[in-house]
Protein backbone atom coordinates (compact mmCIF):
# COMPACT_ATOMS: atom_id res chain seq x y z
CA MET A 1 85.08 144.96 90.63
CA LYS A 2 86.32 146.05 94.00
CA LYS A 3 83.94 148.16 96.07
CA LEU A 4 85.81 151.27 97.18
CA ALA A 5 84.77 153.31 100.19
CA SER A 6 84.88 157.06 99.70
CA PHE A 7 85.49 159.06 102.87
CA ILE A 8 84.89 162.81 103.20
CA LEU A 9 87.20 164.27 105.84
CA CYS A 10 86.11 167.50 107.52
CA ALA A 11 88.33 169.86 109.53
CA ALA A 12 87.83 170.55 113.22
CA MET A 13 86.36 174.01 112.62
CA ILE A 14 83.67 172.63 110.34
CA PHE A 15 82.97 169.94 112.89
CA SER A 16 82.39 172.59 115.57
CA VAL A 17 79.88 174.46 113.43
CA LEU A 18 78.02 171.29 112.56
CA SER A 19 77.97 170.00 116.09
CA GLY A 20 76.49 173.26 117.27
CA THR A 21 73.67 173.11 114.77
CA PHE A 22 72.23 169.61 114.51
CA PHE A 23 74.54 167.05 116.15
CA ALA A 24 73.06 165.54 119.27
CA ASP A 25 75.01 164.75 122.45
CA SER A 26 74.35 161.03 122.18
CA PRO A 27 76.83 159.15 119.95
CA PHE A 28 73.97 156.96 118.63
CA ASP A 29 71.08 159.29 117.91
CA PHE A 30 68.34 157.13 116.40
CA SER A 31 65.94 154.36 117.25
CA ILE A 32 66.13 150.73 116.08
CA THR A 33 63.22 149.35 114.09
CA SER A 34 62.04 145.88 115.01
CA GLU A 35 62.81 144.68 111.48
CA ALA A 36 66.44 145.81 111.53
CA SER A 37 66.82 144.54 115.08
CA GLU A 38 65.67 141.09 113.94
CA TYR A 39 68.22 141.09 111.10
CA ASN A 40 70.96 141.93 113.60
CA LYS A 41 70.23 138.79 115.64
CA THR A 42 70.94 136.11 113.06
CA MET A 43 73.12 137.17 110.15
CA LEU A 44 76.09 138.90 111.76
CA PRO A 45 79.44 138.18 110.08
CA TYR A 46 81.89 135.99 111.98
CA CYS A 47 84.45 138.78 112.39
CA TYR A 48 81.86 140.68 114.48
CA LYS A 49 82.60 138.26 117.32
CA LYS A 50 86.22 139.43 117.36
CA LEU A 51 85.37 143.12 117.85
CA THR A 52 85.64 144.87 121.20
CA ASP A 53 82.41 145.61 123.06
CA GLU A 54 82.56 149.24 121.93
CA GLU A 55 83.14 148.20 118.33
CA LYS A 56 80.28 145.69 118.49
CA LEU A 57 77.88 148.36 119.70
CA ALA A 58 79.03 150.76 116.98
CA TYR A 59 78.72 148.08 114.32
CA LEU A 60 75.19 147.14 115.36
CA LYS A 61 74.18 150.79 115.21
CA MET A 62 75.77 151.35 111.81
CA ARG A 63 74.35 148.12 110.44
CA THR A 64 70.88 148.91 111.73
CA ALA A 65 70.95 152.39 110.24
CA PHE A 66 72.07 150.94 106.91
CA ILE A 67 69.39 148.24 106.85
CA ASP A 68 66.82 150.92 107.74
CA HIS A 69 68.14 153.06 104.86
CA ARG A 70 68.85 156.08 107.02
CA GLU A 71 70.39 159.04 105.21
CA PHE A 72 72.87 159.60 108.03
CA MET A 73 73.63 158.71 111.63
CA LEU A 74 75.51 160.43 114.44
CA ILE A 75 78.27 158.38 115.97
CA SER A 76 81.41 159.18 117.97
CA ILE A 77 84.14 156.56 117.51
CA PRO A 78 87.81 156.65 116.41
CA VAL A 79 88.42 157.14 112.70
CA GLU A 80 90.36 153.86 112.44
CA THR A 81 87.34 152.07 113.91
CA ILE A 82 84.89 153.54 111.40
CA GLU A 83 87.15 152.40 108.56
CA LYS A 84 87.32 148.86 109.98
CA LEU A 85 83.55 148.67 110.44
CA THR A 86 82.90 150.08 106.98
CA ASN A 87 85.13 147.38 105.47
CA ILE A 88 83.22 144.70 107.37
CA MET A 89 79.93 146.02 105.99
CA MET A 90 81.27 146.12 102.43
CA TYR A 91 83.27 142.91 102.26
CA ALA A 92 82.24 140.51 105.03
CA ASP A 93 78.55 141.05 105.80
CA ALA A 94 76.14 139.24 103.49
CA MET A 95 73.24 141.36 104.79
CA THR A 96 74.72 144.77 103.99
CA SER A 97 76.80 143.87 100.93
CA PHE A 98 73.54 143.71 98.94
CA ASP A 99 73.25 147.46 98.92
CA PHE A 100 76.71 148.99 98.48
CA PRO A 101 77.14 150.93 95.22
CA VAL A 102 80.10 149.92 93.05
CA GLY A 103 82.50 152.61 91.90
CA LYS A 104 80.65 155.40 93.73
CA ASN A 105 80.67 157.05 97.14
CA VAL A 106 79.26 154.35 99.39
CA MET A 107 79.77 155.98 102.77
CA GLN A 108 81.16 159.28 104.03
CA TYR A 109 82.12 160.30 107.52
CA TYR A 110 82.99 163.58 109.22
CA TYR A 111 85.55 163.73 111.98
CA ASN A 112 87.16 166.05 114.51
CA GLU A 113 90.75 166.62 113.45
CA SER A 114 92.01 167.15 116.99
CA THR A 115 90.34 164.13 118.64
CA GLN A 116 90.39 161.85 115.55
CA LYS A 117 86.82 160.82 116.34
CA THR A 118 83.91 160.73 113.96
CA SER A 119 80.76 162.74 114.35
CA MET A 120 78.47 161.73 111.52
CA VAL A 121 78.23 159.03 108.87
CA ARG A 122 76.27 159.40 105.64
CA PHE A 123 75.11 156.43 103.56
CA ASN A 124 74.43 155.84 99.87
CA TYR A 125 72.45 152.87 98.56
CA VAL A 126 71.87 150.84 95.43
CA TYR A 127 68.23 150.07 96.22
CA SER A 128 65.29 151.82 97.79
CA LYS A 129 64.14 150.50 101.15
CA GLU A 130 61.20 148.78 99.48
CA ASP A 131 63.41 147.08 96.88
CA TYR A 132 65.95 146.09 99.53
CA ASP A 133 63.27 144.40 101.65
CA ARG A 134 61.91 142.62 98.58
CA ILE A 135 65.38 141.36 97.67
CA ILE A 136 66.03 140.13 101.21
CA LYS A 137 62.71 138.24 101.29
CA LYS A 138 63.38 136.58 97.93
CA SER A 139 66.91 135.64 98.98
CA ASP A 140 65.67 134.24 102.28
CA LYS A 141 63.02 132.17 100.51
CA ALA A 142 65.54 130.77 98.03
CA ALA A 143 68.04 130.02 100.81
CA MET A 144 65.49 128.19 102.93
CA GLU A 145 64.45 126.04 99.97
CA ILE A 146 68.07 125.08 99.38
CA ILE A 147 68.90 124.16 102.97
CA SER A 148 65.60 122.32 103.37
CA GLU A 149 67.52 119.37 101.90
CA PHE A 150 69.44 119.05 105.17
CA THR A 151 68.33 116.72 107.96
CA ASP A 152 69.50 116.22 111.52
CA ASP A 153 71.88 113.57 110.19
CA THR A 154 73.52 115.85 107.63
CA SER A 155 77.06 116.63 108.76
CA ASP A 156 78.56 120.11 108.49
CA TYR A 157 80.95 118.84 105.82
CA GLU A 158 78.05 117.49 103.77
CA LYS A 159 76.20 120.79 104.15
CA ILE A 160 79.23 122.78 103.02
CA LYS A 161 79.74 120.51 100.01
CA TYR A 162 76.05 120.70 99.07
CA ILE A 163 76.12 124.51 99.24
CA HIS A 164 79.30 124.57 97.17
CA ASP A 165 77.84 122.21 94.56
CA TYR A 166 74.53 124.06 94.38
CA ILE A 167 76.15 127.42 93.68
CA VAL A 168 78.52 125.98 91.07
CA ASN A 169 75.77 124.05 89.26
CA GLU A 170 73.12 126.76 89.37
CA THR A 171 75.16 129.92 88.74
CA SER A 172 76.65 131.39 85.59
CA TYR A 173 79.68 133.64 85.91
CA VAL A 174 79.15 137.07 84.36
CA ILE A 175 81.38 140.10 84.04
CA ASN A 176 79.62 143.32 84.98
CA ASP A 177 80.16 146.54 86.89
CA SER A 178 77.04 146.30 89.01
CA ASN A 179 76.51 145.26 92.59
CA ASN A 180 76.91 141.49 93.06
CA SER A 181 75.35 139.87 96.10
CA ALA A 182 73.79 136.67 97.37
CA TYR A 183 70.58 137.76 95.62
CA ASP A 184 72.26 137.64 92.21
CA VAL A 185 73.21 134.00 92.78
CA LEU A 186 70.23 132.66 94.72
CA VAL A 187 67.49 134.39 92.72
CA LEU A 188 68.96 135.56 89.40
CA GLY A 189 71.45 132.71 88.93
CA GLU A 190 74.35 134.84 87.67
CA ALA A 191 77.08 136.87 89.35
CA LYS A 192 80.76 137.69 89.64
CA CYS A 193 83.07 136.37 92.35
CA ASP A 194 81.72 138.58 95.15
CA GLY A 195 78.21 137.32 94.44
CA TYR A 196 79.40 133.70 94.60
CA ALA A 197 81.22 134.36 97.90
CA HIS A 198 78.35 136.26 99.53
CA ALA A 199 75.87 133.56 98.50
CA PHE A 200 78.08 130.86 100.03
CA ASP A 201 78.34 132.88 103.25
CA TYR A 202 74.60 133.59 103.25
CA LEU A 203 73.66 129.91 102.86
CA CYS A 204 76.18 128.83 105.49
CA ALA A 205 74.73 131.36 107.93
CA LYS A 206 71.23 130.04 107.28
CA ALA A 207 72.48 126.48 107.81
CA GLY A 208 74.19 127.37 111.10
CA ILE A 209 77.72 127.01 109.75
CA ARG A 210 80.45 129.48 110.69
CA SER A 211 81.91 131.16 107.60
CA MET A 212 82.99 134.50 106.21
CA THR A 213 83.73 136.23 102.93
CA VAL A 214 87.33 137.32 102.36
CA SER A 215 88.70 139.50 99.59
CA GLY A 216 92.02 140.07 97.93
CA TYR A 217 93.68 139.40 94.60
CA ALA A 218 94.14 136.34 92.41
CA ARG A 219 95.95 135.58 89.17
CA ASN A 220 93.60 135.17 86.23
CA ARG A 221 94.21 132.98 83.16
CA SER A 222 96.33 135.73 81.62
CA ASP A 223 98.54 135.63 84.74
CA GLU A 224 97.32 139.09 85.70
CA SER A 225 96.37 140.03 89.25
CA GLU A 226 92.75 141.11 89.72
CA TYR A 227 90.34 141.70 92.58
CA HIS A 228 88.75 138.50 93.87
CA ALA A 229 86.51 137.28 96.68
CA TRP A 230 86.23 133.81 98.22
CA ASN A 231 85.35 132.26 101.59
CA LYS A 232 86.66 130.74 104.76
CA VAL A 233 84.53 128.14 106.50
CA TYR A 234 84.77 126.34 109.84
CA CYS A 235 84.38 122.56 109.98
CA GLY A 236 85.64 119.99 112.49
CA LYS A 237 87.27 122.67 114.66
CA LYS A 238 89.40 123.93 111.75
CA TRP A 239 89.15 126.71 109.18
CA TYR A 240 89.46 126.13 105.43
CA ASN A 241 89.36 128.15 102.21
CA VAL A 242 86.59 127.61 99.68
CA ASP A 243 86.61 129.40 96.32
CA VAL A 244 83.28 128.62 94.72
CA THR A 245 83.96 130.87 91.73
CA TRP A 246 87.17 129.10 90.76
CA ASP A 247 85.48 125.72 91.22
CA ASP A 248 82.94 126.76 88.56
CA PRO A 249 84.86 125.85 85.37
CA GLU A 250 82.42 127.65 83.05
CA THR A 251 83.38 125.40 80.15
CA ASN A 252 81.31 123.83 77.40
CA LEU A 253 81.46 120.49 79.23
CA LYS A 254 78.52 119.23 81.24
CA ASN A 255 79.01 117.69 84.70
CA ASN A 256 82.37 119.40 85.10
CA LEU A 257 82.22 120.14 88.81
CA SER A 258 85.58 120.95 90.39
CA TYR A 259 86.84 120.71 93.97
CA LYS A 260 90.32 122.15 93.43
CA TYR A 261 89.58 125.06 95.77
CA PHE A 262 87.30 123.28 98.23
CA MET A 263 88.40 123.04 101.89
CA VAL A 264 92.05 123.91 101.34
CA SER A 265 94.67 125.64 103.48
CA ASP A 266 96.10 129.14 103.16
CA GLU A 267 99.35 127.59 101.97
CA ALA A 268 97.67 125.60 99.20
CA ILE A 269 95.59 128.49 97.89
CA GLY A 270 98.36 131.03 98.46
CA ASN A 271 100.08 130.23 95.16
CA THR A 272 97.29 132.01 93.30
CA HIS A 273 95.36 133.99 95.95
CA VAL A 274 96.57 136.91 98.08
CA GLN A 275 94.30 137.90 100.94
CA THR A 276 93.88 141.63 101.65
CA ASP A 277 94.12 143.00 105.18
CA ASN A 278 90.96 145.09 105.55
CA GLY A 279 91.54 145.72 109.25
CA PHE A 280 89.17 143.09 110.66
CA TYR A 281 89.87 139.59 111.98
CA ILE A 282 90.23 136.78 109.45
CA PRO A 283 91.04 133.29 110.81
CA LYS A 284 94.00 131.30 109.51
CA ALA A 285 93.43 128.08 107.59
CA ASP A 286 96.32 125.79 108.46
CA SER A 287 94.97 122.39 107.45
CA ASP A 288 94.28 120.42 104.26
CA SER A 289 92.77 117.47 106.14
CA ALA A 290 89.26 118.17 104.78
CA ASP A 291 90.40 118.75 101.21
CA TYR A 292 88.01 116.88 98.91
CA TYR A 293 90.74 114.84 97.23
CA HIS A 294 92.21 113.67 100.54
CA LYS A 295 88.82 112.92 102.06
CA TYR A 296 87.46 110.84 99.18
CA GLY A 297 90.64 109.07 98.08
CA PHE A 298 91.55 111.11 95.00
CA TYR A 299 95.05 111.93 96.29
CA ALA A 300 98.30 110.24 95.22
CA ASP A 301 101.87 110.41 96.49
CA THR A 302 103.44 108.39 93.63
CA LEU A 303 102.92 107.73 89.92
CA SER A 304 101.96 104.09 90.57
CA GLU A 305 99.38 105.15 93.15
CA ALA A 306 97.97 107.77 90.78
CA LYS A 307 97.47 105.21 87.99
CA ASN A 308 95.70 102.80 90.34
CA ILE A 309 93.46 105.55 91.72
CA PHE A 310 92.55 106.73 88.21
CA ALA A 311 91.60 103.21 87.10
CA ASP A 312 89.48 102.60 90.21
CA LYS A 313 87.79 106.02 90.30
CA ILE A 314 87.07 106.10 86.56
CA ALA A 315 85.36 102.70 86.83
CA LYS A 316 83.22 103.93 89.73
CA ALA A 317 82.45 107.23 87.97
CA ALA A 318 81.40 105.36 84.82
CA LYS A 319 78.92 103.27 86.78
CA LYS A 320 77.31 106.54 87.92
CA GLY A 321 77.28 108.02 84.44
CA LYS A 322 80.02 110.56 85.16
CA ASN A 323 82.68 111.11 82.55
CA SER A 324 85.62 112.77 84.28
CA VAL A 325 87.90 112.09 87.25
CA THR A 326 90.40 114.44 88.87
CA VAL A 327 93.30 113.30 91.04
CA ARG A 328 95.42 115.62 93.14
CA LEU A 329 99.15 114.87 93.33
CA SER A 330 101.30 115.47 96.40
CA ASP A 331 103.87 117.74 94.73
CA LYS A 332 105.19 119.01 91.41
CA GLY A 333 107.57 116.08 91.01
CA VAL A 334 104.74 113.52 91.07
CA TYR A 335 102.61 115.82 88.91
CA ASP A 336 105.33 115.98 86.24
CA GLU A 337 105.70 112.17 86.34
CA VAL A 338 101.97 111.66 85.78
CA MET A 339 101.81 114.18 82.93
CA LYS A 340 104.81 112.56 81.23
CA CYS A 341 103.33 109.09 81.71
CA PHE A 342 99.98 110.02 80.17
CA SER A 343 101.69 111.58 77.17
CA ASP A 344 102.43 107.96 76.22
CA ALA A 345 99.27 106.65 74.54
CA GLY A 346 100.09 103.10 75.66
CA GLU A 347 100.25 104.10 79.34
CA MET A 348 96.93 105.96 79.11
CA LEU A 349 95.30 103.06 77.28
CA ASP A 350 96.44 100.66 80.02
CA VAL A 351 94.71 102.76 82.69
CA MET A 352 91.53 103.09 80.62
CA ASP A 353 91.45 99.35 79.77
CA ARG A 354 91.61 98.49 83.48
CA ALA A 355 88.87 101.01 84.25
CA SER A 356 86.68 99.75 81.41
CA GLN A 357 86.96 96.14 82.57
CA MET A 358 85.97 97.09 86.13
CA SER A 359 83.00 99.15 84.87
CA GLY A 360 81.61 96.51 82.54
CA GLY A 361 83.22 97.57 79.27
CA LYS A 362 81.11 100.65 78.62
CA ILE A 363 84.01 103.14 78.30
CA ILE A 364 85.53 104.09 74.92
CA THR A 365 89.10 103.38 76.00
CA ASP A 366 90.88 105.07 73.09
CA GLY A 367 88.77 108.21 73.17
CA CYS A 368 89.89 109.88 76.39
CA SER A 369 91.88 113.06 77.03
CA TYR A 370 93.65 114.54 80.01
CA HIS A 371 94.37 117.99 81.40
CA GLY A 372 96.76 119.10 84.14
CA GLU A 373 97.00 122.21 86.33
CA ASP A 374 100.16 122.83 88.33
CA ASP A 375 99.52 126.43 89.40
CA CYS A 376 98.24 125.54 92.84
CA MET A 377 96.80 122.10 93.51
CA TYR A 378 98.78 119.83 91.13
CA THR A 379 95.70 118.16 89.68
CA VAL A 380 95.25 115.97 86.62
CA THR A 381 91.83 115.31 85.09
CA ILE A 382 90.91 112.52 82.66
CA TYR A 383 87.83 112.98 80.45
CA PHE A 384 86.24 109.92 78.84
CA TYR A 385 83.14 108.89 76.89
CA PHE A 386 80.74 105.96 76.73
CA LYS A 387 79.87 103.64 73.87
CA GLY A 388 76.65 104.66 72.15
CA GLY A 389 76.81 108.14 73.64
CA ARG A 390 75.69 111.40 72.04
CA LEU A 391 77.58 114.68 71.86
CA SER A 392 74.76 116.38 73.75
CA ASP A 393 75.39 114.04 76.68
CA TYR A 394 78.74 115.74 77.28
CA PHE A 395 78.59 119.26 75.82
CA LYS A 396 76.30 122.20 76.50
CA ASP A 397 76.62 123.64 72.99
CA ILE A 398 77.79 121.36 70.16
CA GLU A 399 78.23 124.33 67.83
CA GLN A 400 81.07 125.60 70.03
CA LEU A 401 83.19 122.54 69.22
CA ASP A 402 85.98 123.18 66.72
CA GLY A 403 86.19 121.08 63.57
CA ASP A 404 89.08 118.84 64.68
CA THR A 405 87.44 118.04 68.03
CA LEU A 406 84.09 117.35 66.40
CA SER A 407 85.70 115.02 63.84
CA PHE A 408 87.57 113.13 66.57
CA LEU A 409 84.46 112.67 68.70
CA LYS A 410 82.48 111.36 65.73
CA GLU A 411 85.37 109.05 64.84
CA ILE A 412 85.31 107.38 68.28
CA GLY A 413 81.58 106.78 67.91
CA LEU A 414 79.71 109.70 69.51
CA LYS A 415 76.51 110.68 67.71
CA GLU A 416 75.20 114.16 66.96
CA GLU A 417 71.62 113.19 67.78
């Protein structure tokens, strides 16, 4: 659910009364605790770097007050600036997004109608200060354990992929109306899209990788537009999109990790995702050069190339015990050719026979299936099984299988136990 800021606008006369009673002359009337100051040093969102010096100072003060759980702060900046900074805190800052209420007043400001400058900001929180500190410590501990896998030889690309894979494999997607943050993913293991995105940003920040959370709208399976959050990440001097939520298939299949929305351009993801302009800087992603399918040879420009890649990659996957391979096609024309080709059982069997021979004959060649998606990435996935395998090797919950599927799987030789 989208987090909506609620702003209380006060007239100039009310501002004058208030300023004469308890508003101080200084635009930043509070001290900075050492704890909040330490937070401000390391986990600032990338878009902070693109603010003016005045905006940076204002953001640090607002952020510090929020982390300290102040009831209000006095600050004199243009109204348009306070709205930009509030959006950064809600959508792009993994440190403050923990504590924004959903569907309630999250922040209110008062302003002078004649000068269009703010005077005071009030905050609302999800957690108490004690609970917030506890959540931060648990999230930090979990994050450090995850990135402890990295060495000096681990490339940024490998780090990004590991973070992506960890979140997908260890998180269950849930639908709720509560606050979703990095904590929900790293500690609780379940979240909605904003939790996935903030966790990715949080882990990247801890690993020294430049990234940010972006928000907007995406088409769901019912072709309806709904609020969504994903990430942009910097690698090899270029920016890319990563949608960890949409790479988590949440199906009954085991080992069904997807890379359809991993390191892709704005153009590629733009068929399904529309980025919202929240007033702060968001870098453009103009390249697909680090797309998983390009990088690891799962990309085909022709039908013949696709068939060869499938045979080769399925054989290699089988040797590692994996039972699915996805190939991305260059355009819809090639995609349609591949889908038409695989609708012919003989063509599919030819690919699987070649793969089985290269892998040592362990694949059940006449027991595979395929699935295509042409909404964005033009991908085709082949699922296959191994001789002597059990249903539990491939499915999380056998009872979810329908009768026809279960009968087919038993017919090709898979065992229930």
